[in-house]
Amino acid sequence: MTALSAEWQHHFVETNQIRLHCVMQGEGDLVVLLHGFPEFWYSWRFQIPALARHFKVVVPDLRGYNDSDKPHSGYDIDTLSADIRGLIENLGYAHAHIVGHDWGGAIAWHLAQKFPQYVNRLAILNAAPMQRLVHEMTSNLDQLRRSWYVLAFQLPGIPEWVIQHNLKEFVKNLLQGQAVRKGAFSKEDTQVYQSALEKPGALSAAINYYRQLLQPWHWLREWGHPPNLTVPTLVLWGEEDAFLSSHLLEGMDQLIKAPFQLKRIPHCGHWVQQEAPQTVNRELLEFLRQPQ
């Protein structure tokens, strides 16, 4: 980590009435990398130096995670997207390339759907539009089975208590246990993630992302077909994802009224940028460096 992080800078950026901790490196057009559950900026450690040779790379800890603020509310997709819009603006940019994985991918989808003026190019790693995921959870038994933890997280207080008392095993089983390429997570890596989740308020905040997802008003609002995308889009998909069914990819090209690429990565699980970092770096650089 020391060699990789020699040129990384840590900053706090005010946005949407909170402070987000960000890691930054490089100069040029802005690239924002958005992590998922239960991670933080560290999940992009292999991408930051590679992309920073050509771009200004900014990697926030999302609201509630690691060193970012952890308010009691604001974990709905609209507020999370507003956090990123404010981040782009307060960095002095009008728009950015947005790259998102897991929950970060859901935020990236939403941002590109609702506020395409903020997005130059969109890269999604093993994530689906929130409307599509909600629909699949209600109509596809395979996806419902994969999403059992979303239902478990709805219980007030109990998930936090259980996970806190088994945090080391929880992190190891979720990351290394569900990875296809087991070498992606060392003992040191899982300790880094565990330490981030041990920070006061972090675990409850992370679970609150899932609690707001199943609120009735959210289901009603998000029911139906996702809005079409109008920005160039790349989807990278680890084919052996334990959490997301590949059925989510069906018809995705029909949602995107712009250049679209779908690239499947074989023998790779959900944690795609950590399991196959060289492949992901190559694909992101090729996609993001294309002329506008």
C-alpha atoms as a PDB file:
ATOM      1  CA  MET A   1       0.000   0.000   0.000  1.00  0.00           C
ATOM      2  CA  THR A   2       2.889   2.351   0.712  1.00  0.00           C
ATOM      3  CA  ALA A   3       4.328   2.192  -2.815  1.00  0.00           C
ATOM      4  CA  LEU A   4       0.932   2.616  -4.444  1.00  0.00           C
ATOM      5  CA  SER A   5      -0.068   5.530  -2.217  1.00  0.00           C
ATOM      6  CA  ALA A   6       3.114   7.614  -2.534  1.00  0.00           C
ATOM      7  CA  GLU A   7       1.352  10.350  -4.509  1.00  0.00           C
ATOM      8  CA  TRP A   8      -2.146  10.046  -3.091  1.00  0.00           C
ATOM      9  CA  GLN A   9      -3.561  13.049  -1.263  1.00  0.00           C
ATOM     10  CA  HIS A  10      -6.310  12.950   1.357  1.00  0.00           C
ATOM     11  CA  HIS A  11      -8.811  15.811   1.442  1.00  0.00           C
ATOM     12  CA  PHE A  12     -12.230  16.621   2.862  1.00  0.00           C
ATOM     13  CA  VAL A  13     -14.739  18.180   0.475  1.00  0.00           C
ATOM     14  CA  GLU A  14     -17.921  19.937   1.599  1.00  0.00           C
ATOM     15  CA  THR A  15     -20.981  18.833  -0.358  1.00  0.00           C
ATOM     16  CA  ASN A  16     -24.723  18.713   0.281  1.00  0.00           C
ATOM     17  CA  GLN A  17     -24.264  19.826   3.927  1.00  0.00           C
ATOM     18  CA  ILE A  18     -21.778  17.045   4.774  1.00  0.00           C
ATOM     19  CA  ARG A  19     -18.037  16.430   4.420  1.00  0.00           C
ATOM     20  CA  LEU A  20     -16.774  13.591   2.268  1.00  0.00           C
ATOM     21  CA  HIS A  21     -13.279  12.265   2.767  1.00  0.00           C
ATOM     22  CA  CYS A  22     -11.597  11.821  -0.630  1.00  0.00           C
ATOM     23  CA  VAL A  23      -8.374  10.393  -1.998  1.00  0.00           C
ATOM     24  CA  MET A  24      -7.043  12.329  -4.996  1.00  0.00           C
ATOM     25  CA  GLN A  25      -4.252  11.930  -7.507  1.00  0.00           C
ATOM     26  CA  GLY A  26      -3.400  13.304 -10.953  1.00  0.00           C
ATOM     27  CA  GLU A  27      -4.433  16.251 -13.102  1.00  0.00           C
ATOM     28  CA  GLY A  28      -6.762  16.820 -16.043  1.00  0.00           C
ATOM     29  CA  ASP A  29     -10.343  15.800 -16.716  1.00  0.00           C
ATOM     30  CA  LEU A  30     -12.113  14.589 -13.597  1.00  0.00           C
ATOM     31  CA  VAL A  31     -12.757  10.906 -12.933  1.00  0.00           C
ATOM     32  CA  VAL A  32     -14.836  10.042  -9.850  1.00  0.00           C
ATOM     33  CA  LEU A  33     -14.712   6.462  -8.556  1.00  0.00           C
ATOM     34  CA  LEU A  34     -17.627   5.330  -6.366  1.00  0.00           C
ATOM     35  CA  HIS A  35     -17.273   2.281  -4.108  1.00  0.00           C
ATOM     36  CA  GLY A  36     -19.871  -0.171  -2.844  1.00  0.00           C
ATOM     37  CA  PHE A  37     -20.804  -2.092   0.321  1.00  0.00           C
ATOM     38  CA  PRO A  38     -19.014  -2.724   2.665  1.00  0.00           C
ATOM     39  CA  GLU A  39     -15.995  -0.916   1.238  1.00  0.00           C
ATOM     40  CA  PHE A  40     -14.524   2.601   1.016  1.00  0.00           C
ATOM     41  CA  TRP A  41     -12.023   4.365  -1.244  1.00  0.00           C
ATOM     42  CA  TYR A  42      -9.523   1.518  -0.692  1.00  0.00           C
ATOM     43  CA  SER A  43     -11.432  -0.746  -3.092  1.00  0.00           C
ATOM     44  CA  TRP A  44     -10.049   1.400  -5.954  1.00  0.00           C
ATOM     45  CA  ARG A  45      -6.419   1.197  -4.813  1.00  0.00           C
ATOM     46  CA  PHE A  46      -5.329  -0.523  -8.041  1.00  0.00           C
ATOM     47  CA  GLN A  47      -7.180   1.905 -10.314  1.00  0.00           C
ATOM     48  CA  ILE A  48      -6.116   5.216  -8.752  1.00  0.00           C
ATOM     49  CA  PRO A  49      -2.461   5.292  -9.912  1.00  0.00           C
ATOM     50  CA  ALA A  50      -3.280   3.837 -13.346  1.00  0.00           C
ATOM     51  CA  LEU A  51      -5.993   6.399 -14.095  1.00  0.00           C
ATOM     52  CA  ALA A  52      -4.078   9.269 -12.487  1.00  0.00           C
ATOM     53  CA  ARG A  53      -1.501   9.147 -15.276  1.00  0.00           C
ATOM     54  CA  HIS A  54      -4.172  10.682 -17.527  1.00  0.00           C
ATOM     55  CA  PHE A  55      -6.866  12.192 -15.278  1.00  0.00           C
ATOM     56  CA  LYS A  56      -7.563  13.896 -11.995  1.00  0.00           C
ATOM     57  CA  VAL A  57      -8.869  10.951  -9.988  1.00  0.00           C
ATOM     58  CA  VAL A  58     -11.093  11.605  -6.967  1.00  0.00           C
ATOM     59  CA  VAL A  59     -12.297   8.715  -4.823  1.00  0.00           C
ATOM     60  CA  PRO A  60     -14.714   9.619  -2.025  1.00  0.00           C
ATOM     61  CA  ASP A  61     -15.739   7.574   0.951  1.00  0.00           C
ATOM     62  CA  LEU A  62     -19.482   7.650   0.360  1.00  0.00           C
ATOM     63  CA  ARG A  63     -21.789   9.180   2.958  1.00  0.00           C
ATOM     64  CA  GLY A  64     -21.538   7.160   6.168  1.00  0.00           C
ATOM     65  CA  TYR A  65     -18.375   5.265   5.271  1.00  0.00           C
ATOM     66  CA  ASN A  66     -14.890   5.345   6.785  1.00  0.00           C
ATOM     67  CA  ASP A  67     -13.845   8.988   7.365  1.00  0.00           C
ATOM     68  CA  SER A  68     -16.807  10.722   5.685  1.00  0.00           C
ATOM     69  CA  ASP A  69     -19.611  12.237   7.775  1.00  0.00           C
ATOM     70  CA  LYS A  70     -22.201   9.803   9.122  1.00  0.00           C
ATOM     71  CA  PRO A  71     -25.521  11.630   9.516  1.00  0.00           C
ATOM     72  CA  HIS A  72     -28.595   9.712  10.655  1.00  0.00           C
ATOM     73  CA  SER A  73     -30.403  10.325   7.354  1.00  0.00           C
ATOM     74  CA  GLY A  74     -29.740  10.880   3.673  1.00  0.00           C
ATOM     75  CA  TYR A  75     -29.120   7.311   2.490  1.00  0.00           C
ATOM     76  CA  ASP A  76     -31.720   7.404  -0.282  1.00  0.00           C
ATOM     77  CA  ILE A  77     -30.512   7.363  -3.881  1.00  0.00           C
ATOM     78  CA  ASP A  78     -31.502  10.993  -4.572  1.00  0.00           C
ATOM     79  CA  THR A  79     -29.486  12.368  -1.640  1.00  0.00           C
ATOM     80  CA  LEU A  80     -26.515  10.118  -2.393  1.00  0.00           C
ATOM     81  CA  SER A  81     -26.517  11.365  -5.979  1.00  0.00           C
ATOM     82  CA  ALA A  82     -26.735  14.969  -4.768  1.00  0.00           C
ATOM     83  CA  ASP A  83     -23.615  14.306  -2.682  1.00  0.00           C
ATOM     84  CA  ILE A  84     -21.709  13.464  -5.859  1.00  0.00           C
ATOM     85  CA  ARG A  85     -23.121  16.365  -7.864  1.00  0.00           C
ATOM     86  CA  GLY A  86     -21.985  18.727  -5.125  1.00  0.00           C
ATOM     87  CA  LEU A  87     -18.591  17.033  -4.998  1.00  0.00           C
ATOM     88  CA  ILE A  88     -18.057  17.629  -8.726  1.00  0.00           C
ATOM     89  CA  GLU A  89     -19.092  21.264  -8.446  1.00  0.00           C
ATOM     90  CA  ASN A  90     -17.032  21.993  -5.341  1.00  0.00           C
ATOM     91  CA  LEU A  91     -13.949  20.562  -7.022  1.00  0.00           C
ATOM     92  CA  GLY A  92     -14.419  23.244  -9.685  1.00  0.00           C
ATOM     93  CA  TYR A  93     -15.753  21.009 -12.463  1.00  0.00           C
ATOM     94  CA  ALA A  94     -19.004  21.087 -14.415  1.00  0.00           C
ATOM     95  CA  HIS A  95     -18.961  17.363 -15.204  1.00  0.00           C
ATOM     96  CA  ALA A  96     -16.894  14.208 -14.778  1.00  0.00           C
ATOM     97  CA  HIS A  97     -16.365  10.660 -15.906  1.00  0.00           C
ATOM     98  CA  ILE A  98     -18.220   8.532 -13.351  1.00  0.00           C
ATOM     99  CA  VAL A  99     -17.146   4.993 -12.490  1.00  0.00           C
ATOM    100  CA  GLY A 100     -19.171   3.011  -9.964  1.00  0.00           C
ATOM    101  CA  HIS A 101     -19.215  -0.467  -8.437  1.00  0.00           C
ATOM    102  CA  ASP A 102     -22.036  -2.104  -6.438  1.00  0.00           C
ATOM    103  CA  TRP A 103     -23.831   0.701  -4.524  1.00  0.00           C
ATOM    104  CA  GLY A 104     -21.484   3.187  -6.155  1.00  0.00           C
ATOM    105  CA  GLY A 105     -22.668   1.799  -9.473  1.00  0.00           C
ATOM    106  CA  ALA A 106     -26.309   2.295  -8.487  1.00  0.00           C
ATOM    107  CA  ILE A 107     -25.530   5.925  -7.616  1.00  0.00           C
ATOM    108  CA  ALA A 108     -23.673   6.329 -10.909  1.00  0.00           C
ATOM    109  CA  TRP A 109     -26.628   4.901 -12.882  1.00  0.00           C
ATOM    110  CA  HIS A 110     -29.016   7.263 -11.088  1.00  0.00           C
ATOM    111  CA  LEU A 111     -26.800  10.281 -11.659  1.00  0.00           C
ATOM    112  CA  ALA A 112     -26.535   9.546 -15.380  1.00  0.00           C
ATOM    113  CA  GLN A 113     -30.280   8.919 -15.675  1.00  0.00           C
ATOM    114  CA  LYS A 114     -31.447  12.034 -13.845  1.00  0.00           C
ATOM    115  CA  PHE A 115     -28.552  14.475 -14.338  1.00  0.00           C
ATOM    116  CA  PRO A 116     -26.734  13.504 -17.548  1.00  0.00           C
ATOM    117  CA  GLN A 117     -25.207  16.979 -17.815  1.00  0.00           C
ATOM    118  CA  TYR A 118     -22.858  16.003 -14.977  1.00  0.00           C
ATOM    119  CA  VAL A 119     -21.612  12.839 -16.700  1.00  0.00           C
ATOM    120  CA  ASN A 120     -19.155  12.680 -19.590  1.00  0.00           C
ATOM    121  CA  ARG A 121     -18.792   8.914 -19.672  1.00  0.00           C
ATOM    122  CA  LEU A 122     -20.292   6.256 -17.411  1.00  0.00           C
ATOM    123  CA  ALA A 123     -18.531   3.038 -16.409  1.00  0.00           C
ATOM    124  CA  ILE A 124     -20.422   0.486 -14.319  1.00  0.00           C
ATOM    125  CA  LEU A 125     -18.869  -2.511 -12.577  1.00  0.00           C
ATOM    126  CA  ASN A 126     -21.285  -5.217 -11.400  1.00  0.00           C
ATOM    127  CA  ALA A 127     -24.219  -2.956 -10.623  1.00  0.00           C
ATOM    128  CA  ALA A 128     -27.660  -2.374 -12.086  1.00  0.00           C
ATOM    129  CA  PRO A 129     -30.081   0.550 -12.196  1.00  0.00           C
ATOM    130  CA  MET A 130     -31.933   0.626  -8.887  1.00  0.00           C
ATOM    131  CA  GLN A 131     -35.309   0.275 -10.597  1.00  0.00           C
ATOM    132  CA  ARG A 132     -34.104  -2.840 -12.389  1.00  0.00           C
ATOM    133  CA  LEU A 133     -32.746  -4.424  -9.195  1.00  0.00           C
ATOM    134  CA  VAL A 134     -35.973  -3.770  -7.272  1.00  0.00           C
ATOM    135  CA  HIS A 135     -37.972  -5.289 -10.139  1.00  0.00           C
ATOM    136  CA  GLU A 136     -35.752  -8.373 -10.285  1.00  0.00           C
ATOM    137  CA  MET A 137     -36.013  -8.891  -6.532  1.00  0.00           C
ATOM    138  CA  THR A 138     -39.791  -9.090  -6.850  1.00  0.00           C
ATOM    139  CA  SER A 139     -39.987 -11.205 -10.002  1.00  0.00           C
ATOM    140  CA  ASN A 140     -36.871 -13.387 -10.123  1.00  0.00           C
ATOM    141  CA  LEU A 141     -36.462 -16.045  -7.438  1.00  0.00           C
ATOM    142  CA  ASP A 142     -32.752 -16.398  -8.231  1.00  0.00           C
ATOM    143  CA  GLN A 143     -32.141 -12.708  -7.575  1.00  0.00           C
ATOM    144  CA  LEU A 144     -34.302 -12.799  -4.450  1.00  0.00           C
ATOM    145  CA  ARG A 145     -32.205 -15.698  -3.161  1.00  0.00           C
ATOM    146  CA  ARG A 146     -29.007 -13.781  -3.873  1.00  0.00           C
ATOM    147  CA  SER A 147     -30.436 -10.697  -2.107  1.00  0.00           C
ATOM    148  CA  TRP A 148     -31.450 -12.439   1.144  1.00  0.00           C
ATOM    149  CA  TYR A 149     -29.185 -10.086   3.118  1.00  0.00           C
ATOM    150  CA  VAL A 150     -31.223  -7.078   1.928  1.00  0.00           C
ATOM    151  CA  LEU A 151     -34.235  -8.534   3.733  1.00  0.00           C
ATOM    152  CA  ALA A 152     -32.181  -9.399   6.814  1.00  0.00           C
ATOM    153  CA  PHE A 153     -30.905  -5.818   7.023  1.00  0.00           C
ATOM    154  CA  GLN A 154     -34.472  -4.518   7.472  1.00  0.00           C
ATOM    155  CA  LEU A 155     -34.569  -5.631  11.117  1.00  0.00           C
ATOM    156  CA  PRO A 156     -33.838  -2.639  13.379  1.00  0.00           C
ATOM    157  CA  GLY A 157     -30.629  -2.937  15.360  1.00  0.00           C
ATOM    158  CA  ILE A 158     -30.221  -6.696  15.103  1.00  0.00           C
ATOM    159  CA  PRO A 159     -27.941  -6.803  12.012  1.00  0.00           C
ATOM    160  CA  GLU A 160     -25.582  -4.261  13.604  1.00  0.00           C
ATOM    161  CA  TRP A 161     -25.389  -6.286  16.825  1.00  0.00           C
ATOM    162  CA  VAL A 162     -24.756  -9.578  15.041  1.00  0.00           C
ATOM    163  CA  ILE A 163     -22.146  -8.167  12.650  1.00  0.00           C
ATOM    164  CA  GLN A 164     -20.309  -6.174  15.325  1.00  0.00           C
ATOM    165  CA  HIS A 165     -19.878  -9.326  17.396  1.00  0.00           C
ATOM    166  CA  ASN A 166     -18.540 -11.236  14.376  1.00  0.00           C
ATOM    167  CA  LEU A 167     -16.992  -8.419  12.351  1.00  0.00           C
ATOM    168  CA  LYS A 168     -13.726 -10.134  11.464  1.00  0.00           C
ATOM    169  CA  GLU A 169     -15.477 -13.214  10.090  1.00  0.00           C
ATOM    170  CA  PHE A 170     -18.189 -11.116   8.434  1.00  0.00           C
ATOM    171  CA  VAL A 171     -15.640  -9.111   6.430  1.00  0.00           C
ATOM    172  CA  LYS A 172     -13.540 -12.160   5.567  1.00  0.00           C
ATOM    173  CA  ASN A 173     -16.547 -14.229   4.457  1.00  0.00           C
ATOM    174  CA  LEU A 174     -18.107 -11.392   2.461  1.00  0.00           C
ATOM    175  CA  LEU A 175     -14.958 -10.340   0.606  1.00  0.00           C
ATOM    176  CA  GLN A 176     -12.544 -13.255   0.388  1.00  0.00           C
ATOM    177  CA  GLY A 177     -15.255 -15.881   0.831  1.00  0.00           C
ATOM    178  CA  GLN A 178     -17.366 -14.584  -2.060  1.00  0.00           C
ATOM    179  CA  ALA A 179     -14.444 -13.768  -4.354  1.00  0.00           C
ATOM    180  CA  VAL A 180     -13.756 -16.178  -7.189  1.00  0.00           C
ATOM    181  CA  ARG A 181     -10.110 -15.139  -7.353  1.00  0.00           C
ATOM    182  CA  LYS A 182      -9.286 -15.707  -3.686  1.00  0.00           C
ATOM    183  CA  GLY A 183      -5.887 -14.010  -3.867  1.00  0.00           C
ATOM    184  CA  ALA A 184      -7.596 -10.653  -4.360  1.00  0.00           C
ATOM    185  CA  PHE A 185      -7.924 -10.168  -0.596  1.00  0.00           C
ATOM    186  CA  SER A 186      -4.985 -10.604   1.735  1.00  0.00           C
ATOM    187  CA  LYS A 187      -5.269 -10.787   5.504  1.00  0.00           C
ATOM    188  CA  GLU A 188      -4.072  -7.165   5.574  1.00  0.00           C
ATOM    189  CA  ASP A 189      -6.779  -6.099   3.115  1.00  0.00           C
ATOM    190  CA  THR A 190      -9.585  -7.594   5.180  1.00  0.00           C
ATOM    191  CA  GLN A 191      -8.141  -5.927   8.283  1.00  0.00           C
ATOM    192  CA  VAL A 192      -8.238  -2.553   6.508  1.00  0.00           C
ATOM    193  CA  TYR A 193     -11.930  -3.042   5.674  1.00  0.00           C
ATOM    194  CA  GLN A 194     -12.688  -4.239   9.184  1.00  0.00           C
ATOM    195  CA  SER A 195     -11.049  -1.156  10.700  1.00  0.00           C
ATOM    196  CA  ALA A 196     -13.151   1.132   8.494  1.00  0.00           C
ATOM    197  CA  LEU A 197     -16.384  -0.570   9.585  1.00  0.00           C
ATOM    198  CA  GLU A 198     -15.363  -0.331  13.255  1.00  0.00           C
ATOM    199  CA  LYS A 199     -15.516   3.469  13.139  1.00  0.00           C
ATOM    200  CA  PRO A 200     -18.485   4.827  15.140  1.00  0.00           C
ATOM    201  CA  GLY A 201     -21.650   4.946  13.072  1.00  0.00           C
ATOM    202  CA  ALA A 202     -20.148   3.362   9.940  1.00  0.00           C
ATOM    203  CA  LEU A 203     -21.895  -0.006  10.122  1.00  0.00           C
ATOM    204  CA  SER A 204     -25.358   1.445  10.749  1.00  0.00           C
ATOM    205  CA  ALA A 205     -24.858   3.948   7.927  1.00  0.00           C
ATOM    206  CA  ALA A 206     -23.854   1.184   5.505  1.00  0.00           C
ATOM    207  CA  ILE A 207     -26.912  -0.891   6.423  1.00  0.00           C
ATOM    208  CA  ASN A 208     -29.164   2.172   6.082  1.00  0.00           C
ATOM    209  CA  TYR A 209     -28.471   2.137   2.317  1.00  0.00           C
ATOM    210  CA  TYR A 210     -30.411  -1.128   2.209  1.00  0.00           C
ATOM    211  CA  ARG A 211     -33.114  -0.078   4.645  1.00  0.00           C
ATOM    212  CA  GLN A 212     -34.141   2.897   2.542  1.00  0.00           C
ATOM    213  CA  LEU A 213     -34.194   0.663  -0.545  1.00  0.00           C
ATOM    214  CA  LEU A 214     -37.187  -1.307   0.748  1.00  0.00           C
ATOM    215  CA  GLN A 215     -39.238   1.633   1.980  1.00  0.00           C
ATOM    216  CA  PRO A 216     -42.714   1.442   0.355  1.00  0.00           C
ATOM    217  CA  TRP A 217     -42.482   4.939  -1.140  1.00  0.00           C
ATOM    218  CA  HIS A 218     -39.219   3.937  -2.810  1.00  0.00           C
ATOM    219  CA  TRP A 219     -40.704   0.798  -4.314  1.00  0.00           C
ATOM    220  CA  LEU A 220     -43.651   2.708  -5.746  1.00  0.00           C
ATOM    221  CA  ARG A 221     -41.509   5.509  -7.118  1.00  0.00           C
ATOM    222  CA  GLU A 222     -38.931   3.233  -8.716  1.00  0.00           C
ATOM    223  CA  TRP A 223     -41.378   0.715 -10.125  1.00  0.00           C
ATOM    224  CA  GLY A 224     -41.313   0.407 -13.876  1.00  0.00           C
ATOM    225  CA  HIS A 225     -38.660   0.861 -16.493  1.00  0.00           C
ATOM    226  CA  PRO A 226     -35.523   2.901 -15.790  1.00  0.00           C
ATOM    227  CA  PRO A 227     -35.147   6.126 -17.794  1.00  0.00           C
ATOM    228  CA  ASN A 228     -32.989   5.852 -20.881  1.00  0.00           C
ATOM    229  CA  LEU A 229     -29.346   6.844 -20.640  1.00  0.00           C
ATOM    230  CA  THR A 230     -27.912   9.364 -23.088  1.00  0.00           C
ATOM    231  CA  VAL A 231     -24.211   9.176 -22.158  1.00  0.00           C
ATOM    232  CA  PRO A 232     -21.603   6.716 -23.497  1.00  0.00           C
ATOM    233  CA  THR A 233     -21.623   3.703 -21.182  1.00  0.00           C
ATOM    234  CA  LEU A 234     -19.338   0.780 -20.423  1.00  0.00           C
ATOM    235  CA  VAL A 235     -20.490  -2.131 -18.252  1.00  0.00           C
ATOM    236  CA  LEU A 236     -17.857  -4.515 -16.889  1.00  0.00           C
ATOM    237  CA  TRP A 237     -19.308  -7.659 -15.311  1.00  0.00           C
ATOM    238  CA  GLY A 238     -17.584 -10.386 -13.324  1.00  0.00           C
ATOM    239  CA  GLU A 239     -19.463 -13.416 -14.614  1.00  0.00           C
ATOM    240  CA  GLU A 240     -19.544 -15.363 -11.341  1.00  0.00           C
ATOM    241  CA  ASP A 241     -21.116 -12.674  -9.152  1.00  0.00           C
ATOM    242  CA  ALA A 242     -22.616 -14.285  -6.042  1.00  0.00           C
ATOM    243  CA  PHE A 243     -24.908 -11.327  -5.313  1.00  0.00           C
ATOM    244  CA  LEU A 244     -26.218 -10.149  -8.686  1.00  0.00           C
ATOM    245  CA  SER A 245     -27.772 -12.374 -11.317  1.00  0.00           C
ATOM    246  CA  SER A 246     -26.544 -12.004 -14.891  1.00  0.00           C
ATOM    247  CA  HIS A 247     -30.248 -11.769 -15.776  1.00  0.00           C
ATOM    248  CA  LEU A 248     -29.895  -8.095 -14.807  1.00  0.00           C
ATOM    249  CA  LEU A 249     -27.893  -7.598 -17.998  1.00  0.00           C
ATOM    250  CA  GLU A 250     -30.689  -8.714 -20.313  1.00  0.00           C
ATOM    251  CA  GLY A 251     -32.016  -5.866 -22.406  1.00  0.00           C
ATOM    252  CA  MET A 252     -29.603  -3.380 -20.839  1.00  0.00           C
ATOM    253  CA  ASP A 253     -28.575  -2.156 -24.279  1.00  0.00           C
ATOM    254  CA  GLN A 254     -32.156  -1.019 -24.882  1.00  0.00           C
ATOM    255  CA  LEU A 255     -31.890   1.399 -21.927  1.00  0.00           C
ATOM    256  CA  ILE A 256     -28.925   3.261 -23.387  1.00  0.00           C
ATOM    257  CA  LYS A 257     -29.437   5.647 -26.304  1.00  0.00           C
ATOM    258  CA  ALA A 258     -25.709   6.251 -26.706  1.00  0.00           C
ATOM    259  CA  PRO A 259     -22.618   4.161 -27.491  1.00  0.00           C
ATOM    260  CA  PHE A 260     -22.727   1.109 -25.217  1.00  0.00           C
ATOM    261  CA  GLN A 261     -20.289  -1.683 -24.447  1.00  0.00           C
ATOM    262  CA  LEU A 262     -20.850  -4.729 -22.252  1.00  0.00           C
ATOM    263  CA  LYS A 263     -17.755  -6.748 -21.395  1.00  0.00           C
ATOM    264  CA  ARG A 264     -17.981  -9.891 -19.301  1.00  0.00           C
ATOM    265  CA  ILE A 265     -14.960 -10.955 -17.261  1.00  0.00           C
ATOM    266  CA  PRO A 266     -14.793 -14.746 -16.882  1.00  0.00           C
ATOM    267  CA  HIS A 267     -13.719 -16.516 -13.696  1.00  0.00           C
ATOM    268  CA  CYS A 268     -14.346 -13.340 -11.718  1.00  0.00           C
ATOM    269  CA  GLY A 269     -16.778 -12.531  -8.942  1.00  0.00           C
ATOM    270  CA  HIS A 270     -18.522  -9.444  -7.609  1.00  0.00           C
ATOM    271  CA  TRP A 271     -15.372  -7.624  -6.452  1.00  0.00           C
ATOM    272  CA  VAL A 272     -14.307  -7.119 -10.041  1.00  0.00           C
ATOM    273  CA  GLN A 273     -11.856  -4.198  -9.761  1.00  0.00           C
ATOM    274  CA  GLN A 274      -9.976  -6.041  -7.031  1.00  0.00           C
ATOM    275  CA  GLU A 275     -10.192  -9.534  -8.508  1.00  0.00           C
ATOM    276  CA  ALA A 276      -9.164  -8.486 -12.030  1.00  0.00           C
ATOM    277  CA  PRO A 277      -7.426  -5.109 -11.590  1.00  0.00           C
ATOM    278  CA  GLN A 278      -5.288  -5.235 -14.730  1.00  0.00           C
ATOM    279  CA  THR A 279      -8.250  -6.086 -16.943  1.00  0.00           C
ATOM    280  CA  VAL A 280     -10.394  -3.384 -15.344  1.00  0.00           C
ATOM    281  CA  ASN A 281      -7.627  -0.778 -15.651  1.00  0.00           C
ATOM    282  CA  ARG A 282      -7.096  -1.584 -19.326  1.00  0.00           C
ATOM    283  CA  GLU A 283     -10.806  -1.404 -20.140  1.00  0.00           C
ATOM    284  CA  LEU A 284     -11.356   1.821 -18.174  1.00  0.00           C
ATOM    285  CA  LEU A 285      -8.402   3.577 -19.795  1.00  0.00           C
ATOM    286  CA  GLU A 286      -9.454   2.518 -23.282  1.00  0.00           C
ATOM    287  CA  PHE A 287     -13.023   3.693 -22.661  1.00  0.00           C
ATOM    288  CA  LEU A 288     -12.350   6.939 -20.784  1.00  0.00           C
ATOM    289  CA  ARG A 289      -9.597   8.134 -23.127  1.00  0.00           C
ATOM    290  CA  GLN A 290     -11.781   7.945 -26.243  1.00  0.00           C
ATOM    291  CA  PRO A 291     -12.297  11.373 -27.845  1.00  0.00           C
ATOM    292  CA  GLN A 292     -15.523  13.109 -26.932  1.00  0.00           C
END
